[in-house]
Amino acid sequence: MLSDQWITASESGDCVEARLIANRVEVRNSKRPAGAIVCFTPAEWRTFVAGVRRGVFDLPELMS
Protein backbone atom coordinates (compact mmCIF):
# COMPACT_ATOMS: atom_id res chain seq x y z
CA MET A 1 0.00 0.00 0.00
CA LEU A 2 1.36 3.38 -0.95
CA SER A 3 1.26 6.33 1.43
CA ASP A 4 2.34 9.96 1.42
CA GLN A 5 5.90 8.67 1.97
CA TRP A 6 7.98 7.84 -1.11
CA ILE A 7 8.45 4.08 -1.57
CA THR A 8 11.44 2.89 -3.61
CA ALA A 9 10.85 0.02 -6.01
CA SER A 10 14.23 -1.62 -5.33
CA GLU A 11 16.47 -2.22 -2.35
CA SER A 12 19.36 -0.38 -4.02
CA GLY A 13 17.34 2.81 -4.40
CA ASP A 14 18.34 3.17 -8.07
CA CYS A 15 15.00 3.16 -9.81
CA VAL A 16 11.61 4.77 -9.36
CA GLU A 17 9.78 5.88 -6.25
CA ALA A 18 6.03 6.11 -5.83
CA ARG A 19 3.58 7.50 -3.30
CA LEU A 20 -0.15 7.99 -2.90
CA ILE A 21 -1.05 11.56 -2.06
CA ALA A 22 -4.30 13.52 -2.47
CA ASN A 23 -5.98 10.61 -4.28
CA ARG A 24 -3.28 10.31 -6.95
CA VAL A 25 -0.20 8.16 -7.38
CA GLU A 26 2.99 10.12 -8.00
CA VAL A 27 6.08 8.51 -9.54
CA ARG A 28 9.58 9.99 -9.79
CA ASN A 29 13.15 8.97 -10.60
CA SER A 30 14.91 8.10 -7.35
CA LYS A 31 18.20 9.49 -8.72
CA ARG A 32 16.55 12.87 -9.43
CA PRO A 33 14.02 13.46 -6.65
CA ALA A 34 13.73 17.16 -7.51
CA GLY A 35 12.94 16.32 -11.15
CA ALA A 36 9.67 15.62 -12.90
CA ILE A 37 6.84 13.73 -11.24
CA VAL A 38 4.37 11.67 -13.25
CA CYS A 39 0.85 11.49 -11.77
CA PHE A 40 -1.73 8.71 -12.16
CA THR A 41 -5.22 8.26 -10.80
CA PRO A 42 -5.47 5.14 -8.61
CA ALA A 43 -7.36 3.36 -11.44
CA GLU A 44 -4.68 4.29 -13.98
CA TRP A 45 -1.98 3.06 -11.60
CA ARG A 46 -3.72 -0.30 -11.08
CA THR A 47 -4.07 -0.68 -14.86
CA PHE A 48 -0.39 0.18 -15.38
CA VAL A 49 0.79 -2.27 -12.71
CA ALA A 50 -1.43 -5.03 -14.17
CA GLY A 51 0.15 -4.37 -17.59
CA VAL A 52 3.65 -4.60 -16.12
CA ARG A 53 2.77 -7.92 -14.49
CA ARG A 54 1.43 -9.26 -17.82
CA GLY A 55 4.61 -8.18 -19.65
CA VAL A 56 2.87 -5.57 -21.80
CA PHE A 57 5.86 -3.22 -21.50
CA ASP A 58 8.65 -5.78 -21.91
CA LEU A 59 11.21 -4.76 -24.50
CA PRO A 60 12.03 -7.10 -27.40
CA GLU A 61 15.15 -9.24 -26.87
CA LEU A 62 17.15 -7.13 -29.31
CA MET A 63 16.61 -4.05 -27.16
CA SER A 64 17.91 -5.59 -23.93
PDB file of N, CA and C in Angstrom:
ATOM      1  N   MET A   1       0.846  -1.182   0.000  1.00  0.00           N
ATOM      2  CA  MET A   1       0.000   0.000   0.000  1.00  0.00           C
ATOM      3  C   MET A   1       0.888   1.241   0.000  1.00  0.00           C
ATOM      4  N   LEU A   2       0.608   2.134  -0.899  1.00  0.00           N
ATOM      5  CA  LEU A   2       1.362   3.377  -0.954  1.00  0.00           C
ATOM      6  C   LEU A   2       0.841   4.349   0.096  1.00  0.00           C
ATOM      7  N   SER A   3       1.661   5.289   0.481  1.00  0.00           N
ATOM      8  CA  SER A   3       1.258   6.326   1.427  1.00  0.00           C
ATOM      9  C   SER A   3       1.878   7.642   0.979  1.00  0.00           C
ATOM     10  N   ASP A   4       1.748   8.679   1.797  1.00  0.00           N
ATOM     11  CA  ASP A   4       2.343   9.956   1.416  1.00  0.00           C
ATOM     12  C   ASP A   4       3.870   9.935   1.487  1.00  0.00           C
ATOM     13  N   GLN A   5       4.444   8.839   1.961  1.00  0.00           N
ATOM     14  CA  GLN A   5       5.896   8.668   1.974  1.00  0.00           C
ATOM     15  C   GLN A   5       6.336   8.016   0.671  1.00  0.00           C
ATOM     16  N   TRP A   6       7.465   8.441   0.114  1.00  0.00           N
ATOM     17  CA  TRP A   6       7.984   7.837  -1.105  1.00  0.00           C
ATOM     18  C   TRP A   6       8.439   6.412  -0.818  1.00  0.00           C
ATOM     19  N   ILE A   7       8.062   5.482  -1.677  1.00  0.00           N
ATOM     20  CA  ILE A   7       8.454   4.076  -1.571  1.00  0.00           C
ATOM     21  C   ILE A   7       9.316   3.761  -2.780  1.00  0.00           C
ATOM     22  N   THR A   8      10.518   3.238  -2.537  1.00  0.00           N
ATOM     23  CA  THR A   8      11.437   2.893  -3.612  1.00  0.00           C
ATOM     24  C   THR A   8      11.151   1.488  -4.102  1.00  0.00           C
ATOM     25  N   ALA A   9      11.204   1.309  -5.416  1.00  0.00           N
ATOM     26  CA  ALA A   9      10.851   0.018  -6.012  1.00  0.00           C
ATOM     27  C   ALA A   9      11.961  -1.017  -5.910  1.00  0.00           C
ATOM     28  N   SER A  10      13.153  -0.645  -5.481  1.00  0.00           N
ATOM     29  CA  SER A  10      14.227  -1.624  -5.331  1.00  0.00           C
ATOM     30  C   SER A  10      14.978  -1.354  -4.033  1.00  0.00           C
ATOM     31  N   GLU A  11      15.692  -2.365  -3.586  1.00  0.00           N
ATOM     32  CA  GLU A  11      16.467  -2.215  -2.353  1.00  0.00           C
ATOM     33  C   GLU A  11      17.666  -1.288  -2.544  1.00  0.00           C
ATOM     34  N   SER A  12      18.182  -1.214  -3.776  1.00  0.00           N
ATOM     35  CA  SER A  12      19.364  -0.381  -4.024  1.00  0.00           C
ATOM     36  C   SER A  12      19.018   1.107  -4.059  1.00  0.00           C
ATOM     37  N   GLY A  13      17.742   1.415  -4.319  1.00  0.00           N
ATOM     38  CA  GLY A  13      17.338   2.807  -4.402  1.00  0.00           C
ATOM     39  C   GLY A  13      17.578   3.436  -5.756  1.00  0.00           C
ATOM     40  N   ASP A  14      18.059   2.650  -6.724  1.00  0.00           N
ATOM     41  CA  ASP A  14      18.342   3.167  -8.067  1.00  0.00           C
ATOM     42  C   ASP A  14      17.227   2.825  -9.042  1.00  0.00           C
ATOM     43  N   CYS A  15      16.089   3.427  -8.882  1.00  0.00           N
ATOM     44  CA  CYS A  15      14.997   3.164  -9.814  1.00  0.00           C
ATOM     45  C   CYS A  15      13.929   4.232  -9.633  1.00  0.00           C
ATOM     46  N   VAL A  16      12.704   3.821  -9.533  1.00  0.00           N
ATOM     47  CA  VAL A  16      11.609   4.771  -9.361  1.00  0.00           C
ATOM     48  C   VAL A  16      11.085   4.711  -7.935  1.00  0.00           C
ATOM     49  N   GLU A  17      10.453   5.802  -7.542  1.00  0.00           N
ATOM     50  CA  GLU A  17       9.779   5.882  -6.253  1.00  0.00           C
ATOM     51  C   GLU A  17       8.326   6.249  -6.530  1.00  0.00           C
ATOM     52  N   ALA A  18       7.445   5.800  -5.668  1.00  0.00           N
ATOM     53  CA  ALA A  18       6.026   6.109  -5.832  1.00  0.00           C
ATOM     54  C   ALA A  18       5.417   6.433  -4.480  1.00  0.00           C
ATOM     55  N   ARG A  19       4.331   7.215  -4.519  1.00  0.00           N
ATOM     56  CA  ARG A  19       3.584   7.503  -3.299  1.00  0.00           C
ATOM     57  C   ARG A  19       2.141   7.833  -3.680  1.00  0.00           C
ATOM     58  N   LEU A  20       1.254   7.630  -2.731  1.00  0.00           N
ATOM     59  CA  LEU A  20      -0.150   7.993  -2.895  1.00  0.00           C
ATOM     60  C   LEU A  20      -0.380   9.249  -2.083  1.00  0.00           C
ATOM     61  N   ILE A  21      -0.825  10.293  -2.741  1.00  0.00           N
ATOM     62  CA  ILE A  21      -1.055  11.559  -2.056  1.00  0.00           C
ATOM     63  C   ILE A  21      -2.218  12.276  -2.743  1.00  0.00           C
ATOM     64  N   ALA A  22      -3.147  12.770  -1.953  1.00  0.00           N
ATOM     65  CA  ALA A  22      -4.297  13.522  -2.470  1.00  0.00           C
ATOM     66  C   ALA A  22      -5.023  12.762  -3.573  1.00  0.00           C
ATOM     67  N   ASN A  23      -5.244  11.468  -3.360  1.00  0.00           N
ATOM     68  CA  ASN A  23      -5.981  10.608  -4.284  1.00  0.00           C
ATOM     69  C   ASN A  23      -5.336  10.518  -5.666  1.00  0.00           C
ATOM     70  N   ARG A  24      -4.006  10.565  -5.710  1.00  0.00           N
ATOM     71  CA  ARG A  24      -3.279  10.312  -6.948  1.00  0.00           C
ATOM     72  C   ARG A  24      -1.984   9.586  -6.595  1.00  0.00           C
ATOM     73  N   VAL A  25      -1.482   8.847  -7.555  1.00  0.00           N
ATOM     74  CA  VAL A  25      -0.199   8.163  -7.380  1.00  0.00           C
ATOM     75  C   VAL A  25       0.846   8.983  -8.121  1.00  0.00           C
ATOM     76  N   GLU A  26       1.892   9.361  -7.408  1.00  0.00           N
ATOM     77  CA  GLU A  26       2.988  10.123  -8.000  1.00  0.00           C
ATOM     78  C   GLU A  26       4.199   9.206  -8.135  1.00  0.00           C
ATOM     79  N   VAL A  27       4.904   9.326  -9.263  1.00  0.00           N
ATOM     80  CA  VAL A  27       6.079   8.511  -9.536  1.00  0.00           C
ATOM     81  C   VAL A  27       7.212   9.443  -9.955  1.00  0.00           C
ATOM     82  N   ARG A  28       8.411   9.173  -9.432  1.00  0.00           N
ATOM     83  CA  ARG A  28       9.578   9.989  -9.795  1.00  0.00           C
ATOM     84  C   ARG A  28      10.814   9.105  -9.887  1.00  0.00           C
ATOM     85  N   ASN A  29      11.854   9.644 -10.486  1.00  0.00           N
ATOM     86  CA  ASN A  29      13.145   8.974 -10.602  1.00  0.00           C
ATOM     87  C   ASN A  29      13.867   9.126  -9.264  1.00  0.00           C
ATOM     88  N   SER A  30      14.261   8.020  -8.658  1.00  0.00           N
ATOM     89  CA  SER A  30      14.912   8.101  -7.349  1.00  0.00           C
ATOM     90  C   SER A  30      16.264   8.803  -7.407  1.00  0.00           C
ATOM     91  N   LYS A  31      16.907   8.817  -8.577  1.00  0.00           N
ATOM     92  CA  LYS A  31      18.197   9.491  -8.718  1.00  0.00           C
ATOM     93  C   LYS A  31      18.032  11.006  -8.870  1.00  0.00           C
ATOM     94  N   ARG A  32      16.818  11.445  -9.234  1.00  0.00           N
ATOM     95  CA  ARG A  32      16.550  12.870  -9.425  1.00  0.00           C
ATOM     96  C   ARG A  32      15.257  13.258  -8.714  1.00  0.00           C
ATOM     97  N   PRO A  33      15.246  13.207  -7.396  1.00  0.00           N
ATOM     98  CA  PRO A  33      14.016  13.465  -6.649  1.00  0.00           C
ATOM     99  C   PRO A  33      13.430  14.860  -6.838  1.00  0.00           C
ATOM    100  N   ALA A  34      14.248  15.812  -7.264  1.00  0.00           N
ATOM    101  CA  ALA A  34      13.727  17.159  -7.506  1.00  0.00           C
ATOM    102  C   ALA A  34      13.230  17.326  -8.943  1.00  0.00           C
ATOM    103  N   GLY A  35      13.349  16.263  -9.747  1.00  0.00           N
ATOM    104  CA  GLY A  35      12.943  16.320 -11.149  1.00  0.00           C
ATOM    105  C   GLY A  35      11.442  16.129 -11.322  1.00  0.00           C
ATOM    106  N   ALA A  36      11.079  15.763 -12.522  1.00  0.00           N
ATOM    107  CA  ALA A  36       9.671  15.622 -12.896  1.00  0.00           C
ATOM    108  C   ALA A  36       8.972  14.506 -12.112  1.00  0.00           C
ATOM    109  N   ILE A  37       7.697  14.720 -11.885  1.00  0.00           N
ATOM    110  CA  ILE A  37       6.839  13.733 -11.237  1.00  0.00           C
ATOM    111  C   ILE A  37       5.712  13.409 -12.204  1.00  0.00           C
ATOM    112  N   VAL A  38       5.469  12.125 -12.407  1.00  0.00           N
ATOM    113  CA  VAL A  38       4.369  11.669 -13.246  1.00  0.00           C
ATOM    114  C   VAL A  38       3.224  11.282 -12.324  1.00  0.00           C
ATOM    115  N   CYS A  39       2.013  11.745 -12.626  1.00  0.00           N
ATOM    116  CA  CYS A  39       0.851  11.487 -11.774  1.00  0.00           C
ATOM    117  C   CYS A  39      -0.146  10.557 -12.465  1.00  0.00           C
ATOM    118  N   PHE A  40      -0.708   9.641 -11.693  1.00  0.00           N
ATOM    119  CA  PHE A  40      -1.729   8.710 -12.155  1.00  0.00           C
ATOM    120  C   PHE A  40      -2.916   8.774 -11.201  1.00  0.00           C
ATOM    121  N   THR A  41      -4.108   8.512 -11.710  1.00  0.00           N
ATOM    122  CA  THR A  41      -5.224   8.257 -10.804  1.00  0.00           C
ATOM    123  C   THR A  41      -5.003   6.860 -10.243  1.00  0.00           C
ATOM    124  N   PRO A  42      -5.626   6.505  -9.122  1.00  0.00           N
ATOM    125  CA  PRO A  42      -5.471   5.143  -8.614  1.00  0.00           C
ATOM    126  C   PRO A  42      -5.886   4.075  -9.650  1.00  0.00           C
ATOM    127  N   ALA A  43      -6.931   4.330 -10.416  1.00  0.00           N
ATOM    128  CA  ALA A  43      -7.360   3.363 -11.443  1.00  0.00           C
ATOM    129  C   ALA A  43      -6.307   3.229 -12.542  1.00  0.00           C
ATOM    130  N   GLU A  44      -5.735   4.344 -12.972  1.00  0.00           N
ATOM    131  CA  GLU A  44      -4.676   4.293 -13.985  1.00  0.00           C
ATOM    132  C   GLU A  44      -3.470   3.526 -13.459  1.00  0.00           C
ATOM    133  N   TRP A  45      -3.119   3.746 -12.205  1.00  0.00           N
ATOM    134  CA  TRP A  45      -1.977   3.058 -11.601  1.00  0.00           C
ATOM    135  C   TRP A  45      -2.216   1.555 -11.555  1.00  0.00           C
ATOM    136  N   ARG A  46      -3.404   1.142 -11.124  1.00  0.00           N
ATOM    137  CA  ARG A  46      -3.723  -0.296 -11.083  1.00  0.00           C
ATOM    138  C   ARG A  46      -3.636  -0.906 -12.474  1.00  0.00           C
ATOM    139  N   THR A  47      -4.133  -0.192 -13.481  1.00  0.00           N
ATOM    140  CA  THR A  47      -4.072  -0.683 -14.861  1.00  0.00           C
ATOM    141  C   THR A  47      -2.623  -0.791 -15.322  1.00  0.00           C
ATOM    142  N   PHE A  48      -1.807   0.204 -15.017  1.00  0.00           N
ATOM    143  CA  PHE A  48      -0.392   0.177 -15.379  1.00  0.00           C
ATOM    144  C   PHE A  48       0.321  -1.005 -14.720  1.00  0.00           C
ATOM    145  N   VAL A  49       0.132  -1.179 -13.427  1.00  0.00           N
ATOM    146  CA  VAL A  49       0.791  -2.274 -12.705  1.00  0.00           C
ATOM    147  C   VAL A  49       0.341  -3.626 -13.264  1.00  0.00           C
ATOM    148  N   ALA A  50      -0.934  -3.776 -13.581  1.00  0.00           N
ATOM    149  CA  ALA A  50      -1.428  -5.032 -14.167  1.00  0.00           C
ATOM    150  C   ALA A  50      -0.742  -5.286 -15.516  1.00  0.00           C
ATOM    151  N   GLY A  51      -0.547  -4.222 -16.307  1.00  0.00           N
ATOM    152  CA  GLY A  51       0.151  -4.365 -17.586  1.00  0.00           C
ATOM    153  C   GLY A  51       1.598  -4.782 -17.406  1.00  0.00           C
ATOM    154  N   VAL A  52       2.258  -4.214 -16.417  1.00  0.00           N
ATOM    155  CA  VAL A  52       3.646  -4.603 -16.118  1.00  0.00           C
ATOM    156  C   VAL A  52       3.695  -6.081 -15.754  1.00  0.00           C
ATOM    157  N   ARG A  53       2.790  -6.512 -14.908  1.00  0.00           N
ATOM    158  CA  ARG A  53       2.765  -7.924 -14.489  1.00  0.00           C
ATOM    159  C   ARG A  53       2.513  -8.866 -15.661  1.00  0.00           C
ATOM    160  N   ARG A  54       1.723  -8.423 -16.642  1.00  0.00           N
ATOM    161  CA  ARG A  54       1.429  -9.256 -17.824  1.00  0.00           C
ATOM    162  C   ARG A  54       2.529  -9.176 -18.876  1.00  0.00           C
ATOM    163  N   GLY A  55       3.519  -8.307 -18.702  1.00  0.00           N
ATOM    164  CA  GLY A  55       4.611  -8.184 -19.654  1.00  0.00           C
ATOM    165  C   GLY A  55       4.319  -7.271 -20.825  1.00  0.00           C
ATOM    166  N   VAL A  56       3.266  -6.465 -20.713  1.00  0.00           N
ATOM    167  CA  VAL A  56       2.872  -5.566 -21.803  1.00  0.00           C
ATOM    168  C   VAL A  56       4.008  -4.620 -22.188  1.00  0.00           C
ATOM    169  N   PHE A  57       4.816  -4.215 -21.248  1.00  0.00           N
ATOM    170  CA  PHE A  57       5.861  -3.218 -21.503  1.00  0.00           C
ATOM    171  C   PHE A  57       7.253  -3.811 -21.655  1.00  0.00           C
ATOM    172  N   ASP A  58       7.351  -5.142 -21.729  1.00  0.00           N
ATOM    173  CA  ASP A  58       8.653  -5.777 -21.906  1.00  0.00           C
ATOM    174  C   ASP A  58       9.244  -5.383 -23.255  1.00  0.00           C
ATOM    175  N   LEU A  59      10.533  -5.115 -23.265  1.00  0.00           N
ATOM    176  CA  LEU A  59      11.214  -4.762 -24.505  1.00  0.00           C
ATOM    177  C   LEU A  59      11.556  -6.037 -25.286  1.00  0.00           C
ATOM    178  N   PRO A  60      11.597  -5.943 -26.616  1.00  0.00           N
ATOM    179  CA  PRO A  60      12.035  -7.103 -27.396  1.00  0.00           C
ATOM    180  C   PRO A  60      13.454  -7.486 -27.012  1.00  0.00           C
ATOM    181  N   GLU A  61      13.815  -8.740 -27.231  1.00  0.00           N
ATOM    182  CA  GLU A  61      15.153  -9.238 -26.871  1.00  0.00           C
ATOM    183  C   GLU A  61      16.265  -8.395 -27.453  1.00  0.00           C
ATOM    184  N   LEU A  62      16.102  -7.919 -28.670  1.00  0.00           N
ATOM    185  CA  LEU A  62      17.147  -7.127 -29.308  1.00  0.00           C
ATOM    186  C   LEU A  62      17.407  -5.816 -28.604  1.00  0.00           C
ATOM    187  N   MET A  63      16.458  -5.325 -27.851  1.00  0.00           N
ATOM    188  CA  MET A  63      16.607  -4.051 -27.157  1.00  0.00           C
ATOM    189  C   MET A  63      17.287  -4.208 -25.808  1.00  0.00           C
ATOM    190  N   SER A  64      17.349  -5.423 -25.267  1.00  0.00           N
ATOM    191  CA  SER A  64      17.907  -5.588 -23.929  1.00  0.00           C
ATOM    192  C   SER A  64      19.382  -5.829 -23.924  1.00  0.00           C
TER     193      SER A  64
END
